[in-house]
Structures are given as structure tokens and as C-alpha cells.
Amino acid sequence: MTKTEAYCDCVGTPPWPAMMRLHGGAPNRYYLCRRCGALREDVYRDGAIVEHRWHDGPNGRLPAGVREEALQVLAMPRGEQLTLWPGDGEDGA
């Protein structure tokens, strides 16, 4: 079972969407909200979080590896965008 470590408040009221942890960017940790594209950066110093920085989306202030991973995740189709059977929705049948 995976433990969710971060939530985004983009919807305004609970339940807030869980954020996905990205793998790049050591020593800091980065979390992505798949709903709105925002990123949270946990800034670490001496093994402790000293600051939370929020980014509107994958931008030039983020390490290249984090930015690339976030863009790949955001480009992936989401479950509600997938069809169950080949041909679903293509010809309206």
C-alpha cells in the first residue's frame, strides 16, 4: 500500500486530490497534481523540510529531469479518456 504524502487544494474543498511523487530532483522532493498540473517542491536541508514551494506547472525553475517527468505524466491518457473496446467512439456505433 502506498502512502500519499501530498495533496493539492486546487478543488477548493476536501477531498483534495492526492499528488504523485516524482522521482527526479534530489535532494528536494517534488509532487505533481494530475488534476491541475501544479507541482509542490519540498526543500530539504540537513535532512528536514525547510520550505514548501509551489509551481503553477512544469516550468524553467524546476530541474530538467523533474520538468520532463511531469510533462510525460501530464501527457498520459487518464482512465476516463480510455475506451474499453477497440473502435469505441470512432464511428459513433
Protein backbone atom coordinates (compact mmCIF):
# COMPACT_ATOMS: atom_id res chain seq x y z
CA MET A 1 0.00 0.00 0.00
CA THR A 2 1.37 3.42 -0.96
CA LYS A 3 1.27 6.29 1.45
CA THR A 4 0.16 9.61 -0.02
CA GLU A 5 2.42 12.37 1.17
CA ALA A 6 0.97 15.46 -0.51
CA TYR A 7 -2.39 16.86 -1.53
CA CYS A 8 -3.33 19.77 -3.80
CA ASP A 9 -6.05 22.25 -2.83
CA CYS A 10 -6.96 23.09 -6.45
CA VAL A 11 -10.57 21.96 -5.98
CA GLY A 12 -11.08 24.30 -3.03
CA THR A 13 -12.78 21.86 -0.68
CA PRO A 14 -11.97 18.39 0.63
CA PRO A 15 -11.40 15.75 -0.50
CA TRP A 16 -8.29 17.23 -2.07
CA PRO A 17 -6.62 15.31 -4.89
CA ALA A 18 -3.55 13.30 -3.96
CA MET A 19 -0.34 14.43 -5.61
CA MET A 20 2.01 12.00 -7.35
CA ARG A 21 5.62 11.95 -6.19
CA LEU A 22 8.12 12.46 -8.99
CA HIS A 23 11.45 10.63 -8.88
CA GLY A 24 13.93 13.29 -10.01
CA GLY A 25 15.22 16.36 -8.28
CA ALA A 26 17.27 15.10 -5.32
CA PRO A 27 17.87 16.37 -2.68
CA ASN A 28 14.43 18.04 -2.82
CA ARG A 29 11.17 16.14 -3.35
CA TYR A 30 8.63 17.05 -6.00
CA TYR A 31 4.92 16.20 -6.17
CA LEU A 32 2.60 16.65 -9.17
CA CYS A 33 -1.16 17.23 -9.18
CA ARG A 34 -2.52 15.41 -12.23
CA ARG A 35 -5.75 17.37 -11.96
CA CYS A 36 -4.36 20.92 -12.32
CA GLY A 37 -0.68 20.38 -13.23
CA ALA A 38 0.71 22.19 -10.17
CA LEU A 39 3.91 21.00 -8.54
CA ARG A 40 4.94 21.16 -4.89
CA GLU A 41 8.62 21.23 -4.07
CA ASP A 42 9.70 20.20 -0.58
CA VAL A 43 13.05 21.89 0.03
CA TYR A 44 15.32 19.81 2.27
CA ARG A 45 18.26 21.00 4.33
CA ASP A 46 20.11 18.81 6.85
CA GLY A 47 17.51 16.04 6.39
CA ALA A 48 14.48 18.21 7.22
CA ILE A 49 11.92 20.08 5.11
CA VAL A 50 12.68 23.78 5.49
CA GLU A 51 10.31 25.18 2.86
CA HIS A 52 7.44 24.28 0.53
CA ARG A 53 7.50 25.93 -2.89
CA TRP A 54 4.54 25.76 -5.27
CA HIS A 55 4.89 25.90 -9.06
CA ASP A 56 1.94 26.51 -11.43
CA GLY A 57 3.21 23.78 -13.72
CA PRO A 58 6.39 22.29 -15.19
CA ASN A 59 8.50 25.42 -15.73
CA GLY A 60 12.11 26.51 -16.19
CA ARG A 61 12.70 26.96 -12.44
CA LEU A 62 12.48 23.20 -11.94
CA PRO A 63 15.34 20.76 -12.59
CA ALA A 64 15.21 19.40 -16.16
CA GLY A 65 14.55 15.81 -15.00
CA VAL A 66 11.59 16.88 -12.85
CA ARG A 67 10.16 19.05 -15.62
CA GLU A 68 10.46 16.25 -18.20
CA GLU A 69 8.89 13.64 -15.91
CA ALA A 70 6.00 15.97 -15.07
CA LEU A 71 5.34 16.69 -18.75
CA GLN A 72 5.37 12.95 -19.54
CA VAL A 73 2.90 12.20 -16.74
CA LEU A 74 0.58 15.04 -17.78
CA ALA A 75 0.63 13.80 -21.40
CA MET A 76 -0.51 10.27 -20.41
CA PRO A 77 -4.16 9.45 -21.06
CA ARG A 78 -6.24 9.30 -17.91
CA GLY A 79 -8.59 6.40 -17.18
CA GLU A 80 -11.71 8.31 -18.16
CA GLN A 81 -10.13 9.08 -21.56
CA LEU A 82 -9.57 5.43 -22.47
CA THR A 83 -12.07 3.26 -24.29
CA LEU A 84 -12.86 -0.29 -23.25
CA TRP A 85 -13.10 -1.82 -26.72
CA PRO A 86 -11.16 -1.12 -29.90
CA GLY A 87 -13.22 1.16 -32.09
CA ASP A 88 -15.31 2.66 -29.25
CA GLY A 89 -16.30 6.17 -30.13
CA GLU A 90 -14.58 6.20 -33.52
CA ASP A 91 -17.70 5.93 -35.70
CA GLY A 92 -20.41 6.60 -33.14
CA ALA A 93 -21.52 2.96 -33.18
